[in-house]
Amino acid sequence: MTKISVEVPDELLADLDEHVGETKKFVNRSDAIRASIRKTLDLLDDIDERHGRLEDE
C-alpha cells in the first residue's frame, strides 16, 4: 500500500480524532481517511452519473 503525506488543519484533525479509537467508528486515522476518500469518490461518481458525465467502461 502506498503511503502519502498530507497537511491537515488542526481543527479537522481534532474532529477526526473524535471518531477514532477502539470503541469508536474507526480503529485509526488511516482507516478513517481511507473511508472518507472512498465515500467522497462514490458521491462524486453519483453526481457525475446524474449529469451524464461518466464514460462507458
PDB file of N, CA and C in Angstrom:
ATOM      1  N   MET A   1       0.857  -1.163   0.000  1.00  0.00           N
ATOM      2  CA  MET A   1       0.000   0.000   0.000  1.00  0.00           C
ATOM      3  C   MET A   1       0.907   1.231   0.000  1.00  0.00           C
ATOM      4  N   THR A   2       0.592   2.176  -0.844  1.00  0.00           N
ATOM      5  CA  THR A   2       1.373   3.399  -0.941  1.00  0.00           C
ATOM      6  C   THR A   2       1.081   4.313   0.241  1.00  0.00           C
ATOM      7  N   LYS A   3       2.118   4.956   0.739  1.00  0.00           N
ATOM      8  CA  LYS A   3       1.955   5.931   1.817  1.00  0.00           C
ATOM      9  C   LYS A   3       2.024   7.326   1.223  1.00  0.00           C
ATOM     10  N   ILE A   4       1.173   8.230   1.730  1.00  0.00           N
ATOM     11  CA  ILE A   4       1.197   9.626   1.308  1.00  0.00           C
ATOM     12  C   ILE A   4       1.230  10.505   2.551  1.00  0.00           C
ATOM     13  N   SER A   5       1.648  11.729   2.360  1.00  0.00           N
ATOM     14  CA  SER A   5       1.631  12.707   3.447  1.00  0.00           C
ATOM     15  C   SER A   5       0.707  13.844   3.047  1.00  0.00           C
ATOM     16  N   VAL A   6      -0.069  14.324   3.987  1.00  0.00           N
ATOM     17  CA  VAL A   6      -0.959  15.455   3.728  1.00  0.00           C
ATOM     18  C   VAL A   6      -0.896  16.414   4.908  1.00  0.00           C
ATOM     19  N   GLU A   7      -1.148  17.668   4.623  1.00  0.00           N
ATOM     20  CA  GLU A   7      -1.278  18.650   5.686  1.00  0.00           C
ATOM     21  C   GLU A   7      -2.755  18.777   6.022  1.00  0.00           C
ATOM     22  N   VAL A   8      -3.076  18.713   7.312  1.00  0.00           N
ATOM     23  CA  VAL A   8      -4.461  18.755   7.771  1.00  0.00           C
ATOM     24  C   VAL A   8      -4.581  19.838   8.841  1.00  0.00           C
ATOM     25  N   PRO A   9      -5.555  20.725   8.700  1.00  0.00           N
ATOM     26  CA  PRO A   9      -5.745  21.747   9.742  1.00  0.00           C
ATOM     27  C   PRO A   9      -6.029  21.094  11.094  1.00  0.00           C
ATOM     28  N   ASP A  10      -5.527  21.708  12.154  1.00  0.00           N
ATOM     29  CA  ASP A  10      -5.693  21.157  13.500  1.00  0.00           C
ATOM     30  C   ASP A  10      -7.157  20.921  13.854  1.00  0.00           C
ATOM     31  N   GLU A  11      -8.037  21.818  13.419  1.00  0.00           N
ATOM     32  CA  GLU A  11      -9.463  21.681  13.740  1.00  0.00           C
ATOM     33  C   GLU A  11     -10.043  20.427  13.103  1.00  0.00           C
ATOM     34  N   LEU A  12      -9.645  20.154  11.867  1.00  0.00           N
ATOM     35  CA  LEU A  12     -10.142  18.974  11.164  1.00  0.00           C
ATOM     36  C   LEU A  12      -9.595  17.705  11.801  1.00  0.00           C
ATOM     37  N   LEU A  13      -8.342  17.726  12.186  1.00  0.00           N
ATOM     38  CA  LEU A  13      -7.741  16.573  12.842  1.00  0.00           C
ATOM     39  C   LEU A  13      -8.407  16.300  14.188  1.00  0.00           C
ATOM     40  N   ALA A  14      -8.740  17.351  14.919  1.00  0.00           N
ATOM     41  CA  ALA A  14      -9.435  17.176  16.200  1.00  0.00           C
ATOM     42  C   ALA A  14     -10.810  16.541  15.978  1.00  0.00           C
ATOM     43  N   ASP A  15     -11.525  16.993  14.946  1.00  0.00           N
ATOM     44  CA  ASP A  15     -12.829  16.391  14.627  1.00  0.00           C
ATOM     45  C   ASP A  15     -12.666  14.925  14.249  1.00  0.00           C
ATOM     46  N   LEU A  16     -11.653  14.633  13.445  1.00  0.00           N
ATOM     47  CA  LEU A  16     -11.390  13.258  13.035  1.00  0.00           C
ATOM     48  C   LEU A  16     -11.117  12.374  14.240  1.00  0.00           C
ATOM     49  N   ASP A  17     -10.300  12.864  15.149  1.00  0.00           N
ATOM     50  CA  ASP A  17      -9.920  12.075  16.321  1.00  0.00           C
ATOM     51  C   ASP A  17     -11.100  11.741  17.228  1.00  0.00           C
ATOM     52  N   GLU A  18     -12.174  12.500  17.140  1.00  0.00           N
ATOM     53  CA  GLU A  18     -13.373  12.187  17.931  1.00  0.00           C
ATOM     54  C   GLU A  18     -14.026  10.882  17.471  1.00  0.00           C
ATOM     55  N   HIS A  19     -13.671  10.427  16.274  1.00  0.00           N
ATOM     56  CA  HIS A  19     -14.272   9.216  15.709  1.00  0.00           C
ATOM     57  C   HIS A  19     -13.300   8.048  15.643  1.00  0.00           C
ATOM     58  N   VAL A  20     -12.099   8.234  16.188  1.00  0.00           N
ATOM     59  CA  VAL A  20     -11.058   7.216  16.102  1.00  0.00           C
ATOM     60  C   VAL A  20     -10.752   6.656  17.486  1.00  0.00           C
ATOM     61  N   GLY A  21     -10.720   5.338  17.579  1.00  0.00           N
ATOM     62  CA  GLY A  21     -10.386   4.672  18.831  1.00  0.00           C
ATOM     63  C   GLY A  21     -11.022   3.292  18.890  1.00  0.00           C
ATOM     64  N   GLU A  22     -10.629   2.508  19.838  1.00  0.00           N
ATOM     65  CA  GLU A  22     -11.115   1.124  19.933  1.00  0.00           C
ATOM     66  C   GLU A  22     -12.632   1.029  20.056  1.00  0.00           C
ATOM     67  N   THR A  23     -13.256   1.960  20.731  1.00  0.00           N
ATOM     68  CA  THR A  23     -14.709   1.885  20.936  1.00  0.00           C
ATOM     69  C   THR A  23     -15.470   2.808  19.987  1.00  0.00           C
ATOM     70  N   LYS A  24     -14.782   3.342  18.981  1.00  0.00           N
ATOM     71  CA  LYS A  24     -15.424   4.287  18.064  1.00  0.00           C
ATOM     72  C   LYS A  24     -15.506   3.700  16.672  1.00  0.00           C
ATOM     73  N   LYS A  25     -15.926   4.508  15.712  1.00  0.00           N
ATOM     74  CA  LYS A  25     -16.197   4.008  14.370  1.00  0.00           C
ATOM     75  C   LYS A  25     -14.945   3.537  13.626  1.00  0.00           C
ATOM     76  N   PHE A  26     -13.812   4.195  13.812  1.00  0.00           N
ATOM     77  CA  PHE A  26     -12.589   3.860  13.096  1.00  0.00           C
ATOM     78  C   PHE A  26     -11.496   3.441  14.070  1.00  0.00           C
ATOM     79  N   VAL A  27     -10.701   2.472  13.668  1.00  0.00           N
ATOM     80  CA  VAL A  27      -9.633   1.945  14.510  1.00  0.00           C
ATOM     81  C   VAL A  27      -8.465   2.924  14.598  1.00  0.00           C
ATOM     82  N   ASN A  28      -8.180   3.593  13.462  1.00  0.00           N
ATOM     83  CA  ASN A  28      -7.078   4.538  13.436  1.00  0.00           C
ATOM     84  C   ASN A  28      -7.357   5.634  12.412  1.00  0.00           C
ATOM     85  N   ARG A  29      -6.493   6.628  12.385  1.00  0.00           N
ATOM     86  CA  ARG A  29      -6.691   7.751  11.464  1.00  0.00           C
ATOM     87  C   ARG A  29      -6.661   7.302  10.007  1.00  0.00           C
ATOM     88  N   SER A  30      -5.740   6.402   9.676  1.00  0.00           N
ATOM     89  CA  SER A  30      -5.635   5.947   8.289  1.00  0.00           C
ATOM     90  C   SER A  30      -6.931   5.303   7.814  1.00  0.00           C
ATOM     91  N   ASP A  31      -7.532   4.489   8.658  1.00  0.00           N
ATOM     92  CA  ASP A  31      -8.809   3.841   8.326  1.00  0.00           C
ATOM     93  C   ASP A  31      -9.891   4.891   8.087  1.00  0.00           C
ATOM     94  N   ALA A  32      -9.933   5.899   8.935  1.00  0.00           N
ATOM     95  CA  ALA A  32     -10.927   6.960   8.796  1.00  0.00           C
ATOM     96  C   ALA A  32     -10.725   7.750   7.506  1.00  0.00           C
ATOM     97  N   ILE A  33      -9.489   8.059   7.190  1.00  0.00           N
ATOM     98  CA  ILE A  33      -9.204   8.839   5.981  1.00  0.00           C
ATOM     99  C   ILE A  33      -9.506   8.029   4.733  1.00  0.00           C
ATOM    100  N   ARG A  34      -9.135   6.742   4.710  1.00  0.00           N
ATOM    101  CA  ARG A  34      -9.465   5.893   3.555  1.00  0.00           C
ATOM    102  C   ARG A  34     -10.977   5.808   3.344  1.00  0.00           C
ATOM    103  N   ALA A  35     -11.731   5.630   4.425  1.00  0.00           N
ATOM    104  CA  ALA A  35     -13.188   5.546   4.317  1.00  0.00           C
ATOM    105  C   ALA A  35     -13.771   6.856   3.786  1.00  0.00           C
ATOM    106  N   SER A  36     -13.231   7.958   4.248  1.00  0.00           N
ATOM    107  CA  SER A  36     -13.711   9.258   3.792  1.00  0.00           C
ATOM    108  C   SER A  36     -13.429   9.470   2.308  1.00  0.00           C
ATOM    109  N   ILE A  37     -12.250   9.088   1.870  1.00  0.00           N
ATOM    110  CA  ILE A  37     -11.908   9.222   0.450  1.00  0.00           C
ATOM    111  C   ILE A  37     -12.836   8.354  -0.400  1.00  0.00           C
ATOM    112  N   ARG A  38     -13.059   7.104   0.035  1.00  0.00           N
ATOM    113  CA  ARG A  38     -13.956   6.216  -0.726  1.00  0.00           C
ATOM    114  C   ARG A  38     -15.358   6.810  -0.832  1.00  0.00           C
ATOM    115  N   LYS A  39     -15.880   7.304   0.286  1.00  0.00           N
ATOM    116  CA  LYS A  39     -17.230   7.860   0.294  1.00  0.00           C
ATOM    117  C   LYS A  39     -17.316   9.093  -0.600  1.00  0.00           C
ATOM    118  N   THR A  40     -16.315   9.949  -0.517  1.00  0.00           N
ATOM    119  CA  THR A  40     -16.303  11.154  -1.347  1.00  0.00           C
ATOM    120  C   THR A  40     -16.267  10.798  -2.826  1.00  0.00           C
ATOM    121  N   LEU A  41     -15.415   9.848  -3.205  1.00  0.00           N
ATOM    122  CA  LEU A  41     -15.336   9.454  -4.611  1.00  0.00           C
ATOM    123  C   LEU A  41     -16.637   8.822  -5.093  1.00  0.00           C
ATOM    124  N   ASP A  42     -17.286   8.030  -4.240  1.00  0.00           N
ATOM    125  CA  ASP A  42     -18.586   7.451  -4.602  1.00  0.00           C
ATOM    126  C   ASP A  42     -19.624   8.549  -4.824  1.00  0.00           C
ATOM    127  N   LEU A  43     -19.629   9.554  -3.952  1.00  0.00           N
ATOM    128  CA  LEU A  43     -20.569  10.670  -4.112  1.00  0.00           C
ATOM    129  C   LEU A  43     -20.300  11.435  -5.400  1.00  0.00           C
ATOM    130  N   LEU A  44     -19.034  11.655  -5.711  1.00  0.00           N
ATOM    131  CA  LEU A  44     -18.698  12.354  -6.955  1.00  0.00           C
ATOM    132  C   LEU A  44     -19.102  11.534  -8.175  1.00  0.00           C
ATOM    133  N   ASP A  45     -18.936  10.213  -8.106  1.00  0.00           N
ATOM    134  CA  ASP A  45     -19.394   9.353  -9.203  1.00  0.00           C
ATOM    135  C   ASP A  45     -20.901   9.445  -9.376  1.00  0.00           C
ATOM    136  N   ASP A  46     -21.639   9.477  -8.273  1.00  0.00           N
ATOM    137  CA  ASP A  46     -23.102   9.612  -8.343  1.00  0.00           C
ATOM    138  C   ASP A  46     -23.497  10.930  -8.995  1.00  0.00           C
ATOM    139  N   ILE A  47     -22.817  11.995  -8.624  1.00  0.00           N
ATOM    140  CA  ILE A  47     -23.104  13.310  -9.213  1.00  0.00           C
ATOM    141  C   ILE A  47     -22.799  13.292 -10.707  1.00  0.00           C
ATOM    142  N   ASP A  48     -21.634  12.747 -11.075  1.00  0.00           N
ATOM    143  CA  ASP A  48     -21.271  12.667 -12.495  1.00  0.00           C
ATOM    144  C   ASP A  48     -22.279  11.835 -13.279  1.00  0.00           C
ATOM    145  N   GLU A  49     -22.744  10.726 -12.681  1.00  0.00           N
ATOM    146  CA  GLU A  49     -23.724   9.878 -13.358  1.00  0.00           C
ATOM    147  C   GLU A  49     -25.032  10.642 -13.598  1.00  0.00           C
ATOM    148  N   ARG A  50     -25.478  11.381 -12.602  1.00  0.00           N
ATOM    149  CA  ARG A  50     -26.717  12.162 -12.756  1.00  0.00           C
ATOM    150  C   ARG A  50     -26.599  13.220 -13.842  1.00  0.00           C
ATOM    151  N   HIS A  51     -25.389  13.705 -14.058  1.00  0.00           N
ATOM    152  CA  HIS A  51     -25.164  14.751 -15.063  1.00  0.00           C
ATOM    153  C   HIS A  51     -24.652  14.197 -16.385  1.00  0.00           C
ATOM    154  N   GLY A  52     -24.656  12.856 -16.507  1.00  0.00           N
ATOM    155  CA  GLY A  52     -24.244  12.231 -17.751  1.00  0.00           C
ATOM    156  C   GLY A  52     -22.768  12.394 -18.069  1.00  0.00           C
ATOM    157  N   ARG A  53     -21.944  12.526 -17.048  1.00  0.00           N
ATOM    158  CA  ARG A  53     -20.520  12.758 -17.281  1.00  0.00           C
ATOM    159  C   ARG A  53     -19.649  11.520 -17.119  1.00  0.00           C
ATOM    160  N   LEU A  54     -20.239  10.377 -16.814  1.00  0.00           N
ATOM    161  CA  LEU A  54     -19.440   9.156 -16.673  1.00  0.00           C
ATOM    162  C   LEU A  54     -19.195   8.539 -18.037  1.00  0.00           C
ATOM    163  N   GLU A  55     -17.953   8.124 -18.261  1.00  0.00           N
ATOM    164  CA  GLU A  55     -17.628   7.454 -19.511  1.00  0.00           C
ATOM    165  C   GLU A  55     -17.985   5.970 -19.391  1.00  0.00           C
ATOM    166  N   ASP A  56     -18.340   5.370 -20.507  1.00  0.00           N
ATOM    167  CA  ASP A  56     -18.625   3.933 -20.516  1.00  0.00           C
ATOM    168  C   ASP A  56     -17.341   3.181 -20.231  1.00  0.00           C
ATOM    169  N   GLU A  57     -17.444   2.152 -19.386  1.00  0.00           N
ATOM    170  CA  GLU A  57     -16.243   1.368 -19.057  1.00  0.00           C
ATOM    171  C   GLU A  57     -16.022   0.268 -20.037  1.00  0.00           C
TER     172      GLU A  57
END
